[in-house]
Amino acid sequence: MPEMTERQKAAWPGAIAEAQRYVDTSTIPSDLDEHYWRVRWDAESRPGRGHMMWATWGDGEHFVEISMDVYGYPRVSVAEMTWLHNSSDEDCDCEPCAAERAEDEADG
């Protein structure tokens, strides 16, 4: 697996701090080995120069994407999540699930 360039390593804490400004109910882990992070590396455009990285994290309430070029310039995006449907939640209140529960109750 590719590793961060020295510039990416230096810029990573600042990118985490920027994302954390918008997420007050959770702590965004800075360790990429944390199981909540998913990291994708682009192919090197020039051998030995490093890889563009795309890191995403979510905790069910927020979603963070940090992309960073080999020179350590991050782009930080933060979203609040609204769940539209959750098939593992018996009390999912989306319209199709509520209709299915109502139908089940009517059939009784």
PDB file of N, CA and C in Angstrom:
ATOM      1  N   MET A   1       0.841  -1.179   0.000  1.00  0.00           N
ATOM      2  CA  MET A   1       0.000   0.000   0.000  1.00  0.00           C
ATOM      3  C   MET A   1       0.884   1.239   0.000  1.00  0.00           C
ATOM      4  N   PRO A   2       0.537   2.250  -0.797  1.00  0.00           N
ATOM      5  CA  PRO A   2       1.323   3.489  -0.810  1.00  0.00           C
ATOM      6  C   PRO A   2       1.295   4.176   0.547  1.00  0.00           C
ATOM      7  N   GLU A   3       2.247   5.032   0.752  1.00  0.00           N
ATOM      8  CA  GLU A   3       2.312   5.829   1.973  1.00  0.00           C
ATOM      9  C   GLU A   3       2.272   7.307   1.611  1.00  0.00           C
ATOM     10  N   MET A   4       1.922   8.114   2.591  1.00  0.00           N
ATOM     11  CA  MET A   4       1.891   9.557   2.375  1.00  0.00           C
ATOM     12  C   MET A   4       3.288  10.082   2.101  1.00  0.00           C
ATOM     13  N   THR A   5       3.339  11.135   1.298  1.00  0.00           N
ATOM     14  CA  THR A   5       4.597  11.860   1.129  1.00  0.00           C
ATOM     15  C   THR A   5       4.831  12.657   2.411  1.00  0.00           C
ATOM     16  N   GLU A   6       6.033  13.172   2.579  1.00  0.00           N
ATOM     17  CA  GLU A   6       6.340  13.980   3.766  1.00  0.00           C
ATOM     18  C   GLU A   6       5.432  15.203   3.835  1.00  0.00           C
ATOM     19  N   ARG A   7       5.140  15.807   2.699  1.00  0.00           N
ATOM     20  CA  ARG A   7       4.258  16.975   2.680  1.00  0.00           C
ATOM     21  C   ARG A   7       2.826  16.591   3.051  1.00  0.00           C
ATOM     22  N   GLN A   8       2.359  15.443   2.594  1.00  0.00           N
ATOM     23  CA  GLN A   8       1.023  14.975   2.969  1.00  0.00           C
ATOM     24  C   GLN A   8       0.965  14.719   4.470  1.00  0.00           C
ATOM     25  N   LYS A   9       1.996  14.071   5.008  1.00  0.00           N
ATOM     26  CA  LYS A   9       2.039  13.810   6.451  1.00  0.00           C
ATOM     27  C   LYS A   9       1.976  15.105   7.243  1.00  0.00           C
ATOM     28  N   ALA A  10       2.698  16.117   6.793  1.00  0.00           N
ATOM     29  CA  ALA A  10       2.719  17.405   7.492  1.00  0.00           C
ATOM     30  C   ALA A  10       1.374  18.114   7.417  1.00  0.00           C
ATOM     31  N   ALA A  11       0.658  17.955   6.301  1.00  0.00           N
ATOM     32  CA  ALA A  11      -0.616  18.657   6.107  1.00  0.00           C
ATOM     33  C   ALA A  11      -1.807  17.909   6.702  1.00  0.00           C
ATOM     34  N   TRP A  12      -1.684  16.615   6.943  1.00  0.00           N
ATOM     35  CA  TRP A  12      -2.800  15.798   7.415  1.00  0.00           C
ATOM     36  C   TRP A  12      -3.432  16.321   8.710  1.00  0.00           C
ATOM     37  N   PRO A  13      -2.661  16.657   9.761  1.00  0.00           N
ATOM     38  CA  PRO A  13      -3.301  17.164  10.990  1.00  0.00           C
ATOM     39  C   PRO A  13      -4.138  18.418  10.759  1.00  0.00           C
ATOM     40  N   GLY A  14      -3.705  19.299   9.882  1.00  0.00           N
ATOM     41  CA  GLY A  14      -4.480  20.503   9.576  1.00  0.00           C
ATOM     42  C   GLY A  14      -5.776  20.175   8.863  1.00  0.00           C
ATOM     43  N   ALA A  15      -5.730  19.188   7.979  1.00  0.00           N
ATOM     44  CA  ALA A  15      -6.954  18.773   7.281  1.00  0.00           C
ATOM     45  C   ALA A  15      -7.945  18.162   8.264  1.00  0.00           C
ATOM     46  N   ILE A  16      -7.455  17.363   9.196  1.00  0.00           N
ATOM     47  CA  ILE A  16      -8.326  16.779  10.227  1.00  0.00           C
ATOM     48  C   ILE A  16      -8.924  17.891  11.083  1.00  0.00           C
ATOM     49  N   ALA A  17      -8.117  18.855  11.473  1.00  0.00           N
ATOM     50  CA  ALA A  17      -8.611  19.971  12.292  1.00  0.00           C
ATOM     51  C   ALA A  17      -9.679  20.770  11.549  1.00  0.00           C
ATOM     52  N   GLU A  18      -9.483  20.977  10.249  1.00  0.00           N
ATOM     53  CA  GLU A  18     -10.488  21.700   9.468  1.00  0.00           C
ATOM     54  C   GLU A  18     -11.806  20.937   9.453  1.00  0.00           C
ATOM     55  N   ALA A  19     -11.755  19.637   9.214  1.00  0.00           N
ATOM     56  CA  ALA A  19     -12.977  18.832   9.197  1.00  0.00           C
ATOM     57  C   ALA A  19     -13.637  18.823  10.573  1.00  0.00           C
ATOM     58  N   GLN A  20     -12.843  18.737  11.637  1.00  0.00           N
ATOM     59  CA  GLN A  20     -13.382  18.646  12.995  1.00  0.00           C
ATOM     60  C   GLN A  20     -14.144  19.912  13.381  1.00  0.00           C
ATOM     61  N   ARG A  21     -13.820  21.038  12.774  1.00  0.00           N
ATOM     62  CA  ARG A  21     -14.540  22.290  13.068  1.00  0.00           C
ATOM     63  C   ARG A  21     -16.031  22.159  12.789  1.00  0.00           C
ATOM     64  N   TYR A  22     -16.409  21.286  11.874  1.00  0.00           N
ATOM     65  CA  TYR A  22     -17.800  21.154  11.467  1.00  0.00           C
ATOM     66  C   TYR A  22     -18.507  19.969  12.114  1.00  0.00           C
ATOM     67  N   VAL A  23     -17.775  19.168  12.863  1.00  0.00           N
ATOM     68  CA  VAL A  23     -18.331  17.949  13.452  1.00  0.00           C
ATOM     69  C   VAL A  23     -18.139  18.032  14.958  1.00  0.00           C
ATOM     70  N   ASP A  24     -19.147  18.543  15.655  1.00  0.00           N
ATOM     71  CA  ASP A  24     -18.993  18.736  17.095  1.00  0.00           C
ATOM     72  C   ASP A  24     -19.497  17.569  17.929  1.00  0.00           C
ATOM     73  N   THR A  25     -20.156  16.608  17.318  1.00  0.00           N
ATOM     74  CA  THR A  25     -20.700  15.488  18.090  1.00  0.00           C
ATOM     75  C   THR A  25     -19.833  14.241  18.009  1.00  0.00           C
ATOM     76  N   SER A  26     -18.778  14.262  17.228  1.00  0.00           N
ATOM     77  CA  SER A  26     -17.895  13.115  17.053  1.00  0.00           C
ATOM     78  C   SER A  26     -16.461  13.591  17.016  1.00  0.00           C
ATOM     79  N   THR A  27     -15.549  12.665  17.262  1.00  0.00           N
ATOM     80  CA  THR A  27     -14.137  12.967  17.114  1.00  0.00           C
ATOM     81  C   THR A  27     -13.630  12.222  15.892  1.00  0.00           C
ATOM     82  N   ILE A  28     -13.128  12.955  14.938  1.00  0.00           N
ATOM     83  CA  ILE A  28     -12.608  12.355  13.717  1.00  0.00           C
ATOM     84  C   ILE A  28     -11.216  11.822  14.011  1.00  0.00           C
ATOM     85  N   PRO A  29     -10.998  10.531  13.839  1.00  0.00           N
ATOM     86  CA  PRO A  29      -9.668   9.980  14.131  1.00  0.00           C
ATOM     87  C   PRO A  29      -8.644  10.458  13.113  1.00  0.00           C
ATOM     88  N   SER A  30      -7.448  10.754  13.581  1.00  0.00           N
ATOM     89  CA  SER A  30      -6.398  11.207  12.664  1.00  0.00           C
ATOM     90  C   SER A  30      -5.572  10.045  12.121  1.00  0.00           C
ATOM     91  N   ASP A  31      -5.668   8.906  12.749  1.00  0.00           N
ATOM     92  CA  ASP A  31      -4.893   7.737  12.337  1.00  0.00           C
ATOM     93  C   ASP A  31      -5.590   7.051  11.164  1.00  0.00           C
ATOM     94  N   LEU A  32      -4.939   7.025  10.006  1.00  0.00           N
ATOM     95  CA  LEU A  32      -5.534   6.398   8.831  1.00  0.00           C
ATOM     96  C   LEU A  32      -5.729   4.897   8.994  1.00  0.00           C
ATOM     97  N   ASP A  33      -5.022   4.292   9.932  1.00  0.00           N
ATOM     98  CA  ASP A  33      -5.196   2.864  10.174  1.00  0.00           C
ATOM     99  C   ASP A  33      -6.467   2.582  10.976  1.00  0.00           C
ATOM    100  N   GLU A  34      -7.087   3.648  11.493  1.00  0.00           N
ATOM    101  CA  GLU A  34      -8.362   3.503  12.205  1.00  0.00           C
ATOM    102  C   GLU A  34      -9.371   2.859  11.261  1.00  0.00           C
ATOM    103  N   HIS A  35     -10.165   1.935  11.772  1.00  0.00           N
ATOM    104  CA  HIS A  35     -11.037   1.154  10.890  1.00  0.00           C
ATOM    105  C   HIS A  35     -12.149   1.963  10.231  1.00  0.00           C
ATOM    106  N   TYR A  36     -12.384   3.175  10.648  1.00  0.00           N
ATOM    107  CA  TYR A  36     -13.429   3.975  10.011  1.00  0.00           C
ATOM    108  C   TYR A  36     -12.962   4.666   8.736  1.00  0.00           C
ATOM    109  N   TRP A  37     -11.661   4.789   8.539  1.00  0.00           N
ATOM    110  CA  TRP A  37     -11.139   5.450   7.349  1.00  0.00           C
ATOM    111  C   TRP A  37     -11.046   4.478   6.187  1.00  0.00           C
ATOM    112  N   ARG A  38     -11.405   4.948   5.007  1.00  0.00           N
ATOM    113  CA  ARG A  38     -11.206   4.218   3.756  1.00  0.00           C
ATOM    114  C   ARG A  38     -10.309   5.101   2.899  1.00  0.00           C
ATOM    115  N   VAL A  39      -9.218   4.557   2.421  1.00  0.00           N
ATOM    116  CA  VAL A  39      -8.250   5.350   1.663  1.00  0.00           C
ATOM    117  C   VAL A  39      -8.048   4.731   0.283  1.00  0.00           C
ATOM    118  N   ARG A  40      -8.062   5.592  -0.709  1.00  0.00           N
ATOM    119  CA  ARG A  40      -7.784   5.177  -2.081  1.00  0.00           C
ATOM    120  C   ARG A  40      -6.619   6.016  -2.578  1.00  0.00           C
ATOM    121  N   TRP A  41      -5.704   5.368  -3.248  1.00  0.00           N
ATOM    122  CA  TRP A  41      -4.531   6.042  -3.783  1.00  0.00           C
ATOM    123  C   TRP A  41      -4.591   6.014  -5.296  1.00  0.00           C
ATOM    124  N   ASP A  42      -4.407   7.157  -5.935  1.00  0.00           N
ATOM    125  CA  ASP A  42      -4.307   7.196  -7.391  1.00  0.00           C
ATOM    126  C   ASP A  42      -2.933   6.680  -7.806  1.00  0.00           C
ATOM    127  N   ALA A  43      -2.826   6.270  -9.047  1.00  0.00           N
ATOM    128  CA  ALA A  43      -1.535   5.853  -9.586  1.00  0.00           C
ATOM    129  C   ALA A  43      -0.593   7.049  -9.617  1.00  0.00           C
ATOM    130  N   GLU A  44       0.676   6.780  -9.489  1.00  0.00           N
ATOM    131  CA  GLU A  44       1.662   7.860  -9.569  1.00  0.00           C
ATOM    132  C   GLU A  44       1.703   8.414 -10.982  1.00  0.00           C
ATOM    133  N   SER A  45       1.663   9.731 -11.090  1.00  0.00           N
ATOM    134  CA  SER A  45       1.790  10.341 -12.417  1.00  0.00           C
ATOM    135  C   SER A  45       3.253  10.361 -12.848  1.00  0.00           C
ATOM    136  N   ARG A  46       4.149  10.427 -11.876  1.00  0.00           N
ATOM    137  CA  ARG A  46       5.591  10.332 -12.137  1.00  0.00           C
ATOM    138  C   ARG A  46       6.172   9.372 -11.104  1.00  0.00           C
ATOM    139  N   PRO A  47       6.822   8.321 -11.531  1.00  0.00           N
ATOM    140  CA  PRO A  47       7.356   7.335 -10.589  1.00  0.00           C
ATOM    141  C   PRO A  47       8.231   7.966  -9.510  1.00  0.00           C
ATOM    142  N   GLY A  48       7.952   7.572  -8.267  1.00  0.00           N
ATOM    143  CA  GLY A  48       8.724   8.065  -7.137  1.00  0.00           C
ATOM    144  C   GLY A  48       8.271   9.390  -6.575  1.00  0.00           C
ATOM    145  N   ARG A  49       7.274  10.010  -7.186  1.00  0.00           N
ATOM    146  CA  ARG A  49       6.834  11.324  -6.741  1.00  0.00           C
ATOM    147  C   ARG A  49       5.797  11.237  -5.627  1.00  0.00           C
ATOM    148  N   GLY A  50       5.038  10.143  -5.570  1.00  0.00           N
ATOM    149  CA  GLY A  50       3.996   9.987  -4.559  1.00  0.00           C
ATOM    150  C   GLY A  50       2.643   9.809  -5.215  1.00  0.00           C
ATOM    151  N   HIS A  51       1.635   9.612  -4.405  1.00  0.00           N
ATOM    152  CA  HIS A  51       0.288   9.308  -4.888  1.00  0.00           C
ATOM    153  C   HIS A  51      -0.714  10.328  -4.374  1.00  0.00           C
ATOM    154  N   MET A  52      -1.633  10.730  -5.225  1.00  0.00           N
ATOM    155  CA  MET A  52      -2.800  11.505  -4.793  1.00  0.00           C
ATOM    156  C   MET A  52      -3.613  10.580  -3.900  1.00  0.00           C
ATOM    157  N   MET A  53      -4.104  11.100  -2.787  1.00  0.00           N
ATOM    158  CA  MET A  53      -4.883  10.263  -1.873  1.00  0.00           C
ATOM    159  C   MET A  53      -6.301  10.784  -1.709  1.00  0.00           C
ATOM    160  N   TRP A  54      -7.203   9.856  -1.476  1.00  0.00           N
ATOM    161  CA  TRP A  54      -8.609  10.153  -1.222  1.00  0.00           C
ATOM    162  C   TRP A  54      -8.981   9.383   0.037  1.00  0.00           C
ATOM    163  N   ALA A  55      -9.302  10.070   1.108  1.00  0.00           N
ATOM    164  CA  ALA A  55      -9.649   9.415   2.361  1.00  0.00           C
ATOM    165  C   ALA A  55     -11.078   9.792   2.740  1.00  0.00           C
ATOM    166  N   THR A  56     -11.873   8.796   3.093  1.00  0.00           N
ATOM    167  CA  THR A  56     -13.253   9.054   3.516  1.00  0.00           C
ATOM    168  C   THR A  56     -13.487   8.425   4.878  1.00  0.00           C
ATOM    169  N   TRP A  57     -14.324   9.075   5.658  1.00  0.00           N
ATOM    170  CA  TRP A  57     -14.654   8.629   7.011  1.00  0.00           C
ATOM    171  C   TRP A  57     -16.117   8.944   7.269  1.00  0.00           C
ATOM    172  N   GLY A  58     -16.782   8.078   7.984  1.00  0.00           N
ATOM    173  CA  GLY A  58     -18.163   8.333   8.374  1.00  0.00           C
ATOM    174  C   GLY A  58     -18.476   7.639   9.683  1.00  0.00           C
ATOM    175  N   ASP A  59     -19.373   8.233  10.437  1.00  0.00           N
ATOM    176  CA  ASP A  59     -19.782   7.631  11.707  1.00  0.00           C
ATOM    177  C   ASP A  59     -21.295   7.431  11.791  1.00  0.00           C
ATOM    178  N   GLY A  60     -21.988   7.531  10.682  1.00  0.00           N
ATOM    179  CA  GLY A  60     -23.436   7.391  10.676  1.00  0.00           C
ATOM    180  C   GLY A  60     -24.162   8.719  10.790  1.00  0.00           C
ATOM    181  N   GLU A  61     -23.486   9.746  11.271  1.00  0.00           N
ATOM    182  CA  GLU A  61     -24.063  11.084  11.372  1.00  0.00           C
ATOM    183  C   GLU A  61     -23.367  12.064  10.436  1.00  0.00           C
ATOM    184  N   HIS A  62     -22.086  11.836  10.212  1.00  0.00           N
ATOM    185  CA  HIS A  62     -21.285  12.732   9.384  1.00  0.00           C
ATOM    186  C   HIS A  62     -20.462  11.914   8.395  1.00  0.00           C
ATOM    187  N   PHE A  63     -20.101  12.575   7.309  1.00  0.00           N
ATOM    188  CA  PHE A  63     -19.248  11.977   6.297  1.00  0.00           C
ATOM    189  C   PHE A  63     -18.178  12.999   5.954  1.00  0.00           C
ATOM    190  N   VAL A  64     -16.928  12.564   5.939  1.00  0.00           N
ATOM    191  CA  VAL A  64     -15.802  13.450   5.641  1.00  0.00           C
ATOM    192  C   VAL A  64     -15.014  12.861   4.481  1.00  0.00           C
ATOM    193  N   GLU A  65     -14.654  13.718   3.534  1.00  0.00           N
ATOM    194  CA  GLU A  65     -13.756  13.314   2.462  1.00  0.00           C
ATOM    195  C   GLU A  65     -12.598  14.296   2.436  1.00  0.00           C
ATOM    196  N   ILE A  66     -11.402  13.743   2.467  1.00  0.00           N
ATOM    197  CA  ILE A  66     -10.198  14.564   2.352  1.00  0.00           C
ATOM    198  C   ILE A  66      -9.401  14.016   1.180  1.00  0.00           C
ATOM    199  N   SER A  67      -9.211  14.847   0.178  1.00  0.00           N
ATOM    200  CA  SER A  67      -8.346  14.472  -0.929  1.00  0.00           C
ATOM    201  C   SER A  67      -7.111  15.360  -0.837  1.00  0.00           C
ATOM    202  N   MET A  68      -5.971  14.777  -1.158  1.00  0.00           N
ATOM    203  CA  MET A  68      -4.733  15.540  -1.013  1.00  0.00           C
ATOM    204  C   MET A  68      -3.750  15.153  -2.116  1.00  0.00           C
ATOM    205  N   ASP A  69      -3.222  16.182  -2.781  1.00  0.00           N
ATOM    206  CA  ASP A  69      -2.233  15.896  -3.818  1.00  0.00           C
ATOM    207  C   ASP A  69      -0.889  15.571  -3.176  1.00  0.00           C
ATOM    208  N   VAL A  70       0.070  15.197  -3.991  1.00  0.00           N
ATOM    209  CA  VAL A  70       1.371  14.755  -3.473  1.00  0.00           C
ATOM    210  C   VAL A  70       2.132  15.867  -2.773  1.00  0.00           C
ATOM    211  N   TYR A  71       1.749  17.125  -3.024  1.00  0.00           N
ATOM    212  CA  TYR A  71       2.426  18.263  -2.412  1.00  0.00           C
ATOM    213  C   TYR A  71       1.806  18.661  -1.074  1.00  0.00           C
ATOM    214  N   GLY A  72       0.750  17.944  -0.653  1.00  0.00           N
ATOM    215  CA  GLY A  72       0.154  18.207   0.647  1.00  0.00           C
ATOM    216  C   GLY A  72      -0.911  19.284   0.661  1.00  0.00           C
ATOM    217  N   TYR A  73      -1.553  19.526  -0.490  1.00  0.00           N
ATOM    218  CA  TYR A  73      -2.644  20.494  -0.534  1.00  0.00           C
ATOM    219  C   TYR A  73      -3.965  19.746  -0.413  1.00  0.00           C
ATOM    220  N   PRO A  74      -4.630  19.861   0.748  1.00  0.00           N
ATOM    221  CA  PRO A  74      -5.871  19.098   0.952  1.00  0.00           C
ATOM    222  C   PRO A  74      -7.106  19.852   0.477  1.00  0.00           C
ATOM    223  N   ARG A  75      -8.119  19.063   0.130  1.00  0.00           N
ATOM    224  CA  ARG A  75      -9.477  19.557  -0.087  1.00  0.00           C
ATOM    225  C   ARG A  75     -10.338  18.791   0.907  1.00  0.00           C
ATOM    226  N   VAL A  76     -11.009  19.526   1.770  1.00  0.00           N
ATOM    227  CA  VAL A  76     -11.773  18.924   2.862  1.00  0.00           C
ATOM    228  C   VAL A  76     -13.258  19.163   2.624  1.00  0.00           C
ATOM    229  N   SER A  77     -14.040  18.079   2.651  1.00  0.00           N
ATOM    230  CA  SER A  77     -15.496  18.163   2.515  1.00  0.00           C
ATOM    231  C   SER A  77     -16.126  17.459   3.708  1.00  0.00           C
ATOM    232  N   VAL A  78     -17.167  18.076   4.261  1.00  0.00           N
ATOM    233  CA  VAL A  78     -17.862  17.523   5.426  1.00  0.00           C
ATOM    234  C   VAL A  78     -19.363  17.582   5.161  1.00  0.00           C
ATOM    235  N   ALA A  79     -20.060  16.479   5.448  1.00  0.00           N
ATOM    236  CA  ALA A  79     -21.511  16.423   5.240  1.00  0.00           C
ATOM    237  C   ALA A  79     -22.192  15.861   6.484  1.00  0.00           C
ATOM    238  N   GLU A  80     -23.407  16.353   6.736  1.00  0.00           N
ATOM    239  CA  GLU A  80     -24.281  15.717   7.723  1.00  0.00           C
ATOM    240  C   GLU A  80     -25.127  14.705   6.977  1.00  0.00           C
ATOM    241  N   MET A  81     -25.291  13.558   7.574  1.00  0.00           N
ATOM    242  CA  MET A  81     -26.024  12.491   6.898  1.00  0.00           C
ATOM    243  C   MET A  81     -27.466  12.430   7.390  1.00  0.00           C
ATOM    244  N   THR A  82     -28.356  12.221   6.454  1.00  0.00           N
ATOM    245  CA  THR A  82     -29.757  11.953   6.751  1.00  0.00           C
ATOM    246  C   THR A  82     -30.061  10.586   6.168  1.00  0.00           C
ATOM    247  N   TRP A  83     -30.423   9.661   7.015  1.00  0.00           N
ATOM    248  CA  TRP A  83     -30.716   8.307   6.550  1.00  0.00           C
ATOM    249  C   TRP A  83     -32.094   8.279   5.922  1.00  0.00           C
ATOM    250  N   LEU A  84     -32.168   7.785   4.707  1.00  0.00           N
ATOM    251  CA  LEU A  84     -33.434   7.676   3.993  1.00  0.00           C
ATOM    252  C   LEU A  84     -34.075   6.314   4.215  1.00  0.00           C
ATOM    253  N   HIS A  85     -33.250   5.287   4.409  1.00  0.00           N
ATOM    254  CA  HIS A  85     -33.748   3.935   4.620  1.00  0.00           C
ATOM    255  C   HIS A  85     -32.653   3.128   5.306  1.00  0.00           C
ATOM    256  N   ASN A  86     -33.072   2.234   6.208  1.00  0.00           N
ATOM    257  CA  ASN A  86     -32.136   1.333   6.882  1.00  0.00           C
ATOM    258  C   ASN A  86     -32.834  -0.009   7.034  1.00  0.00           C
ATOM    259  N   SER A  87     -32.469  -0.957   6.198  1.00  0.00           N
ATOM    260  CA  SER A  87     -33.161  -2.248   6.206  1.00  0.00           C
ATOM    261  C   SER A  87     -32.913  -3.053   7.476  1.00  0.00           C
ATOM    262  N   SER A  88     -31.907  -2.697   8.267  1.00  0.00           N
ATOM    263  CA  SER A  88     -31.661  -3.434   9.505  1.00  0.00           C
ATOM    264  C   SER A  88     -32.383  -2.816  10.701  1.00  0.00           C
ATOM    265  N   ASP A  89     -33.128  -1.746  10.488  1.00  0.00           N
ATOM    266  CA  ASP A  89     -33.855  -1.063  11.560  1.00  0.00           C
ATOM    267  C   ASP A  89     -35.344  -1.391  11.441  1.00  0.00           C
ATOM    268  N   GLU A  90     -35.860  -2.154  12.398  1.00  0.00           N
ATOM    269  CA  GLU A  90     -37.276  -2.529  12.365  1.00  0.00           C
ATOM    270  C   GLU A  90     -38.198  -1.325  12.469  1.00  0.00           C
ATOM    271  N   ASP A  91     -37.703  -0.223  13.000  1.00  0.00           N
ATOM    272  CA  ASP A  91     -38.510   0.983  13.151  1.00  0.00           C
ATOM    273  C   ASP A  91     -38.171   2.048  12.112  1.00  0.00           C
ATOM    274  N   CYS A  92     -37.563   1.632  10.995  1.00  0.00           N
ATOM    275  CA  CYS A  92     -37.237   2.588   9.933  1.00  0.00           C
ATOM    276  C   CYS A  92     -38.526   3.322   9.552  1.00  0.00           C
ATOM    277  N   ASP A  93     -38.445   4.661   9.521  1.00  0.00           N
ATOM    278  CA  ASP A  93     -39.666   5.434   9.276  1.00  0.00           C
ATOM    279  C   ASP A  93     -39.783   5.941   7.844  1.00  0.00           C
ATOM    280  N   CYS A  94     -39.030   5.333   6.921  1.00  0.00           N
ATOM    281  CA  CYS A  94     -39.204   5.735   5.527  1.00  0.00           C
ATOM    282  C   CYS A  94     -40.593   5.285   5.059  1.00  0.00           C
ATOM    283  N   GLU A  95     -41.086   5.927   4.028  1.00  0.00           N
ATOM    284  CA  GLU A  95     -42.440   5.670   3.551  1.00  0.00           C
ATOM    285  C   GLU A  95     -42.693   4.200   3.179  1.00  0.00           C
ATOM    286  N   PRO A  96     -41.819   3.548   2.413  1.00  0.00           N
ATOM    287  CA  PRO A  96     -42.074   2.139   2.087  1.00  0.00           C
ATOM    288  C   PRO A  96     -42.102   1.222   3.315  1.00  0.00           C
ATOM    289  N   CYS A  97     -41.196   1.442   4.272  1.00  0.00           N
ATOM    290  CA  CYS A  97     -41.169   0.602   5.478  1.00  0.00           C
ATOM    291  C   CYS A  97     -42.416   0.847   6.334  1.00  0.00           C
ATOM    292  N   ALA A  98     -42.814   2.113   6.488  1.00  0.00           N
ATOM    293  CA  ALA A  98     -44.009   2.421   7.275  1.00  0.00           C
ATOM    294  C   ALA A  98     -45.239   1.790   6.633  1.00  0.00           C
ATOM    295  N   ALA A  99     -45.325   1.833   5.304  1.00  0.00           N
ATOM    296  CA  ALA A  99     -46.461   1.226   4.604  1.00  0.00           C
ATOM    297  C   ALA A  99     -46.457  -0.290   4.788  1.00  0.00           C
ATOM    298  N   GLU A 100     -45.276  -0.895   4.734  1.00  0.00           N
ATOM    299  CA  GLU A 100     -45.171  -2.342   4.923  1.00  0.00           C
ATOM    300  C   GLU A 100     -45.600  -2.745   6.334  1.00  0.00           C
ATOM    301  N   ARG A 101     -45.181  -1.962   7.348  1.00  0.00           N
ATOM    302  CA  ARG A 101     -45.588  -2.250   8.730  1.00  0.00           C
ATOM    303  C   ARG A 101     -47.100  -2.103   8.883  1.00  0.00           C
ATOM    304  N   ALA A 102     -47.661  -1.048   8.295  1.00  0.00           N
ATOM    305  CA  ALA A 102     -49.102  -0.828   8.386  1.00  0.00           C
ATOM    306  C   ALA A 102     -49.854  -1.978   7.730  1.00  0.00           C
ATOM    307  N   GLU A 103     -49.347  -2.453   6.607  1.00  0.00           N
ATOM    308  CA  GLU A 103     -49.981  -3.581   5.906  1.00  0.00           C
ATOM    309  C   GLU A 103     -49.891  -4.853   6.751  1.00  0.00           C
ATOM    310  N   ASP A 104     -48.730  -5.088   7.370  1.00  0.00           N
ATOM    311  CA  ASP A 104     -48.554  -6.248   8.236  1.00  0.00           C
ATOM    312  C   ASP A 104     -49.505  -6.180   9.441  1.00  0.00           C
ATOM    313  N   GLU A 105     -49.671  -4.992  10.017  1.00  0.00           N
ATOM    314  CA  GLU A 105     -50.565  -4.825  11.169  1.00  0.00           C
ATOM    315  C   GLU A 105     -52.018  -5.050  10.738  1.00  0.00           C
ATOM    316  N   ALA A 106     -52.397  -4.611   9.554  1.00  0.00           N
ATOM    317  CA  ALA A 106     -53.774  -4.774   9.058  1.00  0.00           C
ATOM    318  C   ALA A 106     -54.084  -6.253   8.798  1.00  0.00           C
ATOM    319  N   ASP A 107     -53.046  -6.976   8.319  1.00  0.00           N
ATOM    320  CA  ASP A 107     -53.225  -8.408   8.049  1.00  0.00           C
ATOM    321  C   ASP A 107     -53.238  -9.224   9.339  1.00  0.00           C
ATOM    322  N   GLY A 108     -52.677  -8.609  10.365  1.00  0.00           N
ATOM    323  CA  GLY A 108     -52.660  -9.074  11.651  1.00  0.00           C
ATOM    324  C   GLY A 108     -52.416 -10.250  12.303  1.00  0.00           C
TER     325      GLY A 108
END
